[in-house]
Amino acid sequence: MRNIKLIIEYDGTKYCGWQSQKNGISIESTIKSAIENIINEDVKLIGSSRTDAGVHARGQVANFYTETKISSEKLPFAINSKLPHDIVILSAEDMPLDFHARYSSIGKRYSYTLLNRKIPPAIMRNYVAYCPYELNFDLMKRAEGYFIGTKDFSAFKSTGSSVKTSVRTIRDLKLDKIDDYIRFEIEADGFLYNMVRIIAGTLIDVGLGKIKAEDINDIIDSKDRKRAGKTAPASGLCLEKVYYKNEDKA
């Protein structure tokens, strides 16, 4: 028995999300079907993160168990031959049998990209969120440090989550601005349901002057979802990397 780790890149625009669902085509079911077509086995594909509809990934991780003799070097090419062009297996690696893409993870890094101009995008419309109102980037930048640390992020969690605790450790959050694009990367030991998109929505409200940067701590302490910003659109969100022990973080 082998345990294969996959690193996956995908454009989530036309999918109902990572997790298999009855009401749409998922990333998980599409990859699972391609793998089974190649190795002629039924597989259970375990993903590190259940990205929502319209969310993208450059570094999603999944694993599956198999008896196939196909080498890990050849597996990406074989599986990719059965996948649509908006999903790509970047690499495959044999792992110890106890490796689990979700439970072995010690952290994740996401990016969120926002286009801030009066005219909406054409080319990048599926990969950015769009805000036509002028944002004060300096105020948004001032807010980034308030999120860092080990805190109860209940105010930044959508309903529908069944997690045991809302405490998470945000290790890093950095905003950058290039021309009309505002982009931030955020790294944490884990994320709550819609947490990154709610943080993005809150930062947008800070840029609009609706929320003061200095009020972020009070919002976190309140644990009140109504005090944080709206859930920003899925199109701006991308899973960049999943971290595991004994891996190079570079």
C-alpha atoms as a PDB file:
ATOM      1  CA  MET A   1       0.000   0.000   0.000  1.00  0.00           C
ATOM      2  CA  ARG A   2       1.259   3.486  -0.920  1.00  0.00           C
ATOM      3  CA  ASN A   3       0.194   6.894   0.339  1.00  0.00           C
ATOM      4  CA  ILE A   4       0.503   9.528  -2.397  1.00  0.00           C
ATOM      5  CA  LYS A   5       0.647  13.254  -1.654  1.00  0.00           C
ATOM      6  CA  LEU A   6      -0.484  15.578  -4.455  1.00  0.00           C
ATOM      7  CA  ILE A   7       0.108  19.301  -4.822  1.00  0.00           C
ATOM      8  CA  ILE A   8      -2.643  20.810  -6.930  1.00  0.00           C
ATOM      9  CA  GLU A   9      -3.276  24.070  -8.752  1.00  0.00           C
ATOM     10  CA  TYR A  10      -6.757  25.029  -9.922  1.00  0.00           C
ATOM     11  CA  ASP A  11      -9.040  27.771 -11.128  1.00  0.00           C
ATOM     12  CA  GLY A  12     -12.144  27.360  -9.001  1.00  0.00           C
ATOM     13  CA  THR A  13     -14.397  29.602 -11.094  1.00  0.00           C
ATOM     14  CA  LYS A  14     -16.738  26.980 -12.536  1.00  0.00           C
ATOM     15  CA  TYR A  15     -16.694  24.548  -9.620  1.00  0.00           C
ATOM     16  CA  CYS A  16     -18.924  24.252  -6.558  1.00  0.00           C
ATOM     17  CA  GLY A  17     -15.807  24.092  -4.374  1.00  0.00           C
ATOM     18  CA  TRP A  18     -13.348  21.400  -3.359  1.00  0.00           C
ATOM     19  CA  GLN A  19     -15.737  19.037  -1.612  1.00  0.00           C
ATOM     20  CA  SER A  20     -17.942  16.670  -3.592  1.00  0.00           C
ATOM     21  CA  GLN A  21     -21.571  17.805  -3.631  1.00  0.00           C
ATOM     22  CA  LYS A  22     -24.785  16.670  -5.270  1.00  0.00           C
ATOM     23  CA  ASN A  23     -25.595  20.103  -6.703  1.00  0.00           C
ATOM     24  CA  GLY A  24     -22.513  20.734  -8.807  1.00  0.00           C
ATOM     25  CA  ILE A  25     -19.129  19.655 -10.125  1.00  0.00           C
ATOM     26  CA  SER A  26     -16.394  19.765  -7.480  1.00  0.00           C
ATOM     27  CA  ILE A  27     -12.614  19.848  -7.663  1.00  0.00           C
ATOM     28  CA  GLU A  28     -12.407  16.738  -5.472  1.00  0.00           C
ATOM     29  CA  SER A  29     -14.733  14.610  -7.598  1.00  0.00           C
ATOM     30  CA  THR A  30     -13.040  15.718 -10.826  1.00  0.00           C
ATOM     31  CA  ILE A  31      -9.571  14.735  -9.585  1.00  0.00           C
ATOM     32  CA  LYS A  32     -10.858  11.525  -7.988  1.00  0.00           C
ATOM     33  CA  SER A  33     -12.397  10.455 -11.286  1.00  0.00           C
ATOM     34  CA  ALA A  34      -9.158  11.181 -13.155  1.00  0.00           C
ATOM     35  CA  ILE A  35      -7.055   9.186 -10.665  1.00  0.00           C
ATOM     36  CA  GLU A  36      -9.421   6.216 -10.780  1.00  0.00           C
ATOM     37  CA  ASN A  37      -9.352   6.302 -14.572  1.00  0.00           C
ATOM     38  CA  ILE A  38      -5.550   6.027 -14.506  1.00  0.00           C
ATOM     39  CA  ILE A  39      -4.982   3.458 -11.742  1.00  0.00           C
ATOM     40  CA  ASN A  40      -8.203   1.409 -12.083  1.00  0.00           C
ATOM     41  CA  GLU A  41      -8.885   1.544  -8.336  1.00  0.00           C
ATOM     42  CA  ASP A  42     -11.506   3.186  -6.162  1.00  0.00           C
ATOM     43  CA  VAL A  43      -9.794   5.911  -4.125  1.00  0.00           C
ATOM     44  CA  LYS A  44     -10.661   8.231  -1.284  1.00  0.00           C
ATOM     45  CA  LEU A  45      -9.126  11.629  -1.961  1.00  0.00           C
ATOM     46  CA  ILE A  46      -8.313  13.576   1.222  1.00  0.00           C
ATOM     47  CA  GLY A  47      -7.945  17.341   0.792  1.00  0.00           C
ATOM     48  CA  SER A  48      -6.152  19.743   3.117  1.00  0.00           C
ATOM     49  CA  SER A  49      -8.713  22.522   2.708  1.00  0.00           C
ATOM     50  CA  ARG A  50     -12.346  22.600   1.619  1.00  0.00           C
ATOM     51  CA  THR A  51     -12.155  25.677  -0.569  1.00  0.00           C
ATOM     52  CA  ASP A  52     -15.523  27.214  -1.475  1.00  0.00           C
ATOM     53  CA  ALA A  53     -17.086  27.765  -4.876  1.00  0.00           C
ATOM     54  CA  GLY A  54     -15.051  30.209  -6.941  1.00  0.00           C
ATOM     55  CA  VAL A  55     -11.942  29.990  -4.728  1.00  0.00           C
ATOM     56  CA  HIS A  56      -8.634  29.175  -6.400  1.00  0.00           C
ATOM     57  CA  ALA A  57      -5.486  27.319  -5.332  1.00  0.00           C
ATOM     58  CA  ARG A  58      -1.827  27.331  -6.221  1.00  0.00           C
ATOM     59  CA  GLY A  59      -0.852  24.887  -3.488  1.00  0.00           C
ATOM     60  CA  GLN A  60      -3.771  22.687  -2.474  1.00  0.00           C
ATOM     61  CA  VAL A  61      -2.623  19.368  -1.002  1.00  0.00           C
ATOM     62  CA  ALA A  62      -4.402  16.017  -1.113  1.00  0.00           C
ATOM     63  CA  ASN A  63      -3.482  12.408  -0.501  1.00  0.00           C
ATOM     64  CA  PHE A  64      -4.829   8.993  -1.428  1.00  0.00           C
ATOM     65  CA  TYR A  65      -3.906   5.358  -0.838  1.00  0.00           C
ATOM     66  CA  THR A  66      -3.184   3.071  -3.748  1.00  0.00           C
ATOM     67  CA  GLU A  67      -1.594  -0.199  -4.875  1.00  0.00           C
ATOM     68  CA  THR A  68      -0.550   1.232  -8.251  1.00  0.00           C
ATOM     69  CA  LYS A  69       2.976   0.639  -9.514  1.00  0.00           C
ATOM     70  CA  ILE A  70       3.054   3.912 -11.467  1.00  0.00           C
ATOM     71  CA  SER A  71       5.960   5.996 -10.153  1.00  0.00           C
ATOM     72  CA  SER A  72       5.263   9.245  -8.320  1.00  0.00           C
ATOM     73  CA  GLU A  73       7.281  11.075 -10.994  1.00  0.00           C
ATOM     74  CA  LYS A  74       4.939   9.864 -13.753  1.00  0.00           C
ATOM     75  CA  LEU A  75       1.645  10.172 -11.856  1.00  0.00           C
ATOM     76  CA  PRO A  76       1.131  13.948 -12.383  1.00  0.00           C
ATOM     77  CA  PHE A  77       1.470  13.580 -16.160  1.00  0.00           C
ATOM     78  CA  ALA A  78      -0.843  10.584 -16.224  1.00  0.00           C
ATOM     79  CA  ILE A  79      -3.532  12.200 -14.060  1.00  0.00           C
ATOM     80  CA  ASN A  80      -3.282  15.543 -15.865  1.00  0.00           C
ATOM     81  CA  SER A  81      -4.043  13.786 -19.141  1.00  0.00           C
ATOM     82  CA  LYS A  82      -7.506  13.045 -17.733  1.00  0.00           C
ATOM     83  CA  LEU A  83      -8.141  16.456 -16.131  1.00  0.00           C
ATOM     84  CA  PRO A  84      -9.680  19.625 -17.587  1.00  0.00           C
ATOM     85  CA  HIS A  85      -7.259  22.474 -18.240  1.00  0.00           C
ATOM     86  CA  ASP A  86      -8.323  24.440 -15.137  1.00  0.00           C
ATOM     87  CA  ILE A  87      -7.024  21.743 -12.752  1.00  0.00           C
ATOM     88  CA  VAL A  88      -3.378  20.625 -12.711  1.00  0.00           C
ATOM     89  CA  ILE A  89      -1.448  18.182 -10.536  1.00  0.00           C
ATOM     90  CA  LEU A  90       1.874  19.930  -9.923  1.00  0.00           C
ATOM     91  CA  SER A  91       3.616  17.052  -8.157  1.00  0.00           C
ATOM     92  CA  ALA A  92       3.152  13.643  -6.552  1.00  0.00           C
ATOM     93  CA  GLU A  93       5.186  12.167  -3.716  1.00  0.00           C
ATOM     94  CA  ASP A  94       5.190   8.928  -1.747  1.00  0.00           C
ATOM     95  CA  MET A  95       4.572   9.634   1.923  1.00  0.00           C
ATOM     96  CA  PRO A  96       4.453   7.585   5.152  1.00  0.00           C
ATOM     97  CA  LEU A  97       1.148   5.779   5.603  1.00  0.00           C
ATOM     98  CA  ASP A  98       0.176   8.031   8.530  1.00  0.00           C
ATOM     99  CA  PHE A  99       0.414  11.235   6.474  1.00  0.00           C
ATOM    100  CA  HIS A 100      -2.959  12.998   6.244  1.00  0.00           C
ATOM    101  CA  ALA A 101      -3.334  16.063   4.022  1.00  0.00           C
ATOM    102  CA  ARG A 102      -5.676  17.765   6.498  1.00  0.00           C
ATOM    103  CA  TYR A 103      -4.715  16.549   9.957  1.00  0.00           C
ATOM    104  CA  SER A 104      -0.960  16.547   9.396  1.00  0.00           C
ATOM    105  CA  SER A 105      -1.027  20.217   8.378  1.00  0.00           C
ATOM    106  CA  ILE A 106       0.533  22.759  10.760  1.00  0.00           C
ATOM    107  CA  GLY A 107      -0.564  25.838   8.834  1.00  0.00           C
ATOM    108  CA  LYS A 108      -1.815  27.419   5.632  1.00  0.00           C
ATOM    109  CA  ARG A 109      -1.168  30.563   3.648  1.00  0.00           C
ATOM    110  CA  TYR A 110      -3.818  32.335   1.582  1.00  0.00           C
ATOM    111  CA  SER A 111      -3.725  35.396  -0.613  1.00  0.00           C
ATOM    112  CA  TYR A 112      -6.546  37.825  -1.331  1.00  0.00           C
ATOM    113  CA  THR A 113      -6.492  40.224  -4.285  1.00  0.00           C
ATOM    114  CA  LEU A 114      -8.698  43.273  -4.695  1.00  0.00           C
ATOM    115  CA  LEU A 115      -9.024  45.568  -7.711  1.00  0.00           C
ATOM    116  CA  ASN A 116      -9.791  49.126  -6.590  1.00  0.00           C
ATOM    117  CA  ARG A 117     -10.800  51.356  -9.487  1.00  0.00           C
ATOM    118  CA  LYS A 118     -13.978  52.840 -10.965  1.00  0.00           C
ATOM    119  CA  ILE A 119     -14.069  50.501 -13.975  1.00  0.00           C
ATOM    120  CA  PRO A 120     -14.611  46.758 -13.373  1.00  0.00           C
ATOM    121  CA  PRO A 121     -12.106  44.200 -14.688  1.00  0.00           C
ATOM    122  CA  ALA A 122     -12.440  42.152 -17.838  1.00  0.00           C
ATOM    123  CA  ILE A 123      -9.390  39.882 -18.029  1.00  0.00           C
ATOM    124  CA  MET A 124      -8.944  39.415 -14.261  1.00  0.00           C
ATOM    125  CA  ARG A 125     -12.619  39.282 -13.292  1.00  0.00           C
ATOM    126  CA  ASN A 126     -12.435  35.671 -12.080  1.00  0.00           C
ATOM    127  CA  TYR A 127      -9.321  36.163  -9.959  1.00  0.00           C
ATOM    128  CA  VAL A 128      -9.919  39.390  -8.040  1.00  0.00           C
ATOM    129  CA  ALA A 129     -12.597  41.007  -5.946  1.00  0.00           C
ATOM    130  CA  TYR A 130     -13.715  44.407  -7.228  1.00  0.00           C
ATOM    131  CA  CYS A 131     -14.353  47.605  -5.296  1.00  0.00           C
ATOM    132  CA  PRO A 132     -15.295  50.776  -7.254  1.00  0.00           C
ATOM    133  CA  TYR A 133     -15.079  53.058  -4.197  1.00  0.00           C
ATOM    134  CA  GLU A 134     -11.829  54.763  -3.276  1.00  0.00           C
ATOM    135  CA  LEU A 135      -9.984  52.922  -0.509  1.00  0.00           C
ATOM    136  CA  ASN A 136      -7.437  54.450   1.858  1.00  0.00           C
ATOM    137  CA  PHE A 137      -4.610  51.925   1.632  1.00  0.00           C
ATOM    138  CA  ASP A 138      -2.655  53.550   4.488  1.00  0.00           C
ATOM    139  CA  LEU A 139      -5.558  52.919   6.859  1.00  0.00           C
ATOM    140  CA  MET A 140      -5.854  49.331   5.673  1.00  0.00           C
ATOM    141  CA  LYS A 141      -2.119  48.854   6.145  1.00  0.00           C
ATOM    142  CA  ARG A 142      -2.401  50.202   9.673  1.00  0.00           C
ATOM    143  CA  ALA A 143      -4.988  47.527  10.513  1.00  0.00           C
ATOM    144  CA  GLU A 144      -2.910  44.479   9.540  1.00  0.00           C
ATOM    145  CA  GLY A 145      -1.020  44.151  12.820  1.00  0.00           C
ATOM    146  CA  TYR A 146      -4.161  43.945  14.931  1.00  0.00           C
ATOM    147  CA  PHE A 147      -5.003  40.517  13.503  1.00  0.00           C
ATOM    148  CA  ILE A 148      -1.670  38.888  14.299  1.00  0.00           C
ATOM    149  CA  GLY A 149      -1.460  36.593  17.330  1.00  0.00           C
ATOM    150  CA  THR A 150      -3.396  33.830  19.058  1.00  0.00           C
ATOM    151  CA  LYS A 151      -6.996  34.999  19.434  1.00  0.00           C
ATOM    152  CA  ASP A 152     -10.591  33.880  19.384  1.00  0.00           C
ATOM    153  CA  PHE A 153     -11.746  34.797  15.870  1.00  0.00           C
ATOM    154  CA  SER A 154     -15.452  34.046  16.386  1.00  0.00           C
ATOM    155  CA  ALA A 155     -16.292  37.474  14.935  1.00  0.00           C
ATOM    156  CA  PHE A 156     -14.621  36.369  11.693  1.00  0.00           C
ATOM    157  CA  LYS A 157     -16.419  33.055  11.256  1.00  0.00           C
ATOM    158  CA  SER A 158     -19.501  32.369   9.152  1.00  0.00           C
ATOM    159  CA  THR A 159     -22.289  30.224  10.548  1.00  0.00           C
ATOM    160  CA  GLY A 160     -22.270  26.584   9.544  1.00  0.00           C
ATOM    161  CA  SER A 161     -18.917  25.691  11.077  1.00  0.00           C
ATOM    162  CA  SER A 162     -18.753  22.815  13.570  1.00  0.00           C
ATOM    163  CA  VAL A 163     -15.235  23.456  14.916  1.00  0.00           C
ATOM    164  CA  LYS A 164     -14.518  22.799  18.585  1.00  0.00           C
ATOM    165  CA  THR A 165     -12.748  26.119  19.107  1.00  0.00           C
ATOM    166  CA  SER A 166     -12.557  29.448  17.284  1.00  0.00           C
ATOM    167  CA  VAL A 167      -9.065  30.188  18.598  1.00  0.00           C
ATOM    168  CA  ARG A 168      -6.489  30.467  15.838  1.00  0.00           C
ATOM    169  CA  THR A 169      -2.949  31.848  15.585  1.00  0.00           C
ATOM    170  CA  ILE A 170      -2.331  34.264  12.732  1.00  0.00           C
ATOM    171  CA  ARG A 171       1.412  34.272  12.193  1.00  0.00           C
ATOM    172  CA  ASP A 172       1.616  36.883   9.476  1.00  0.00           C
ATOM    173  CA  LEU A 173      -0.561  39.331   7.546  1.00  0.00           C
ATOM    174  CA  LYS A 174       0.900  41.743   5.000  1.00  0.00           C
ATOM    175  CA  LEU A 175      -0.796  44.103   2.567  1.00  0.00           C
ATOM    176  CA  ASP A 176       0.760  45.452  -0.630  1.00  0.00           C
ATOM    177  CA  LYS A 177      -0.491  47.782  -3.325  1.00  0.00           C
ATOM    178  CA  ILE A 178       0.606  47.766  -6.963  1.00  0.00           C
ATOM    179  CA  ASP A 179      -1.219  50.224  -9.206  1.00  0.00           C
ATOM    180  CA  ASP A 180      -4.946  49.551  -8.672  1.00  0.00           C
ATOM    181  CA  TYR A 181      -4.440  46.162  -7.054  1.00  0.00           C
ATOM    182  CA  ILE A 182      -4.431  45.622  -3.284  1.00  0.00           C
ATOM    183  CA  ARG A 183      -3.185  42.204  -2.241  1.00  0.00           C
ATOM    184  CA  PHE A 184      -2.557  40.613   1.107  1.00  0.00           C
ATOM    185  CA  GLU A 185      -1.144  37.306   2.237  1.00  0.00           C
ATOM    186  CA  ILE A 186      -2.139  35.735   5.512  1.00  0.00           C
ATOM    187  CA  GLU A 187      -0.613  32.746   7.275  1.00  0.00           C
ATOM    188  CA  ALA A 188      -2.088  30.909  10.261  1.00  0.00           C
ATOM    189  CA  ASP A 189      -2.111  27.539  11.962  1.00  0.00           C
ATOM    190  CA  GLY A 190      -5.632  27.141  10.596  1.00  0.00           C
ATOM    191  CA  PHE A 191      -8.639  29.125   9.432  1.00  0.00           C
ATOM    192  CA  LEU A 192     -12.317  29.211  10.338  1.00  0.00           C
ATOM    193  CA  TYR A 193     -15.109  29.026   7.765  1.00  0.00           C
ATOM    194  CA  ASN A 194     -14.842  32.150   5.552  1.00  0.00           C
ATOM    195  CA  MET A 195     -12.318  33.681   7.970  1.00  0.00           C
ATOM    196  CA  VAL A 196      -9.995  35.088   5.303  1.00  0.00           C
ATOM    197  CA  ARG A 197     -12.868  36.531   3.274  1.00  0.00           C
ATOM    198  CA  ILE A 198     -14.353  38.186   6.365  1.00  0.00           C
ATOM    199  CA  ILE A 199     -10.960  39.653   7.258  1.00  0.00           C
ATOM    200  CA  ALA A 200     -10.785  40.952   3.677  1.00  0.00           C
ATOM    201  CA  GLY A 201     -14.247  42.467   3.993  1.00  0.00           C
ATOM    202  CA  THR A 202     -13.240  44.094   7.270  1.00  0.00           C
ATOM    203  CA  LEU A 203     -10.085  45.556   5.730  1.00  0.00           C
ATOM    204  CA  ILE A 204     -12.210  46.963   2.909  1.00  0.00           C
ATOM    205  CA  ASP A 205     -14.459  48.650   5.495  1.00  0.00           C
ATOM    206  CA  VAL A 206     -11.344  50.087   7.139  1.00  0.00           C
ATOM    207  CA  GLY A 207     -10.281  51.468   3.767  1.00  0.00           C
ATOM    208  CA  LEU A 208     -13.744  52.981   3.302  1.00  0.00           C
ATOM    209  CA  GLY A 209     -13.607  54.590   6.738  1.00  0.00           C
ATOM    210  CA  LYS A 210     -16.512  52.512   8.072  1.00  0.00           C
ATOM    211  CA  ILE A 211     -14.308  50.754  10.647  1.00  0.00           C
ATOM    212  CA  LYS A 212     -11.312  52.244  12.436  1.00  0.00           C
ATOM    213  CA  ALA A 213      -8.115  50.214  12.437  1.00  0.00           C
ATOM    214  CA  GLU A 214      -7.921  50.731  16.196  1.00  0.00           C
ATOM    215  CA  ASP A 215     -11.315  49.034  16.603  1.00  0.00           C
ATOM    216  CA  ILE A 216     -10.113  45.654  15.297  1.00  0.00           C
ATOM    217  CA  ASN A 217      -9.124  44.451  18.780  1.00  0.00           C
ATOM    218  CA  ASP A 218     -12.558  45.378  20.139  1.00  0.00           C
ATOM    219  CA  ILE A 219     -14.241  43.522  17.277  1.00  0.00           C
ATOM    220  CA  ILE A 220     -12.141  40.429  17.984  1.00  0.00           C
ATOM    221  CA  ASP A 221     -12.855  40.650  21.718  1.00  0.00           C
ATOM    222  CA  SER A 222     -16.595  41.033  21.060  1.00  0.00           C
ATOM    223  CA  LYS A 223     -16.765  37.677  19.242  1.00  0.00           C
ATOM    224  CA  ASP A 224     -19.707  39.265  17.401  1.00  0.00           C
ATOM    225  CA  ARG A 225     -19.861  38.436  13.693  1.00  0.00           C
ATOM    226  CA  LYS A 226     -22.109  41.458  13.058  1.00  0.00           C
ATOM    227  CA  ARG A 227     -19.336  43.868  14.036  1.00  0.00           C
ATOM    228  CA  ALA A 228     -16.868  42.627  11.411  1.00  0.00           C
ATOM    229  CA  GLY A 229     -17.070  43.409   7.700  1.00  0.00           C
ATOM    230  CA  LYS A 230     -19.007  41.571   5.041  1.00  0.00           C
ATOM    231  CA  THR A 231     -17.743  38.321   3.561  1.00  0.00           C
ATOM    232  CA  ALA A 232     -15.693  39.452   0.554  1.00  0.00           C
ATOM    233  CA  PRO A 233     -16.201  37.696  -2.815  1.00  0.00           C
ATOM    234  CA  ALA A 234     -14.687  34.251  -3.342  1.00  0.00           C
ATOM    235  CA  SER A 235     -12.966  35.230  -6.597  1.00  0.00           C
ATOM    236  CA  GLY A 236     -10.191  37.138  -4.805  1.00  0.00           C
ATOM    237  CA  LEU A 237      -9.150  34.222  -2.600  1.00  0.00           C
ATOM    238  CA  CYS A 238      -6.381  31.745  -3.380  1.00  0.00           C
ATOM    239  CA  LEU A 239      -4.870  28.953  -1.282  1.00  0.00           C
ATOM    240  CA  GLU A 240      -1.138  29.504  -1.743  1.00  0.00           C
ATOM    241  CA  LYS A 241       0.533  26.855   0.420  1.00  0.00           C
ATOM    242  CA  VAL A 242      -0.108  24.213   3.061  1.00  0.00           C
ATOM    243  CA  TYR A 243       2.625  23.636   5.627  1.00  0.00           C
ATOM    244  CA  TYR A 244       3.730  20.369   7.224  1.00  0.00           C
ATOM    245  CA  LYS A 245       6.375  19.459   9.775  1.00  0.00           C
ATOM    246  CA  ASN A 246       9.962  19.070   8.580  1.00  0.00           C
ATOM    247  CA  GLU A 247       9.234  20.998   5.385  1.00  0.00           C
ATOM    248  CA  ASP A 248      11.116  24.012   4.055  1.00  0.00           C
ATOM    249  CA  LYS A 249       8.812  27.018   4.367  1.00  0.00           C
ATOM    250  CA  ALA A 250      10.521  28.923   1.564  1.00  0.00           C
END
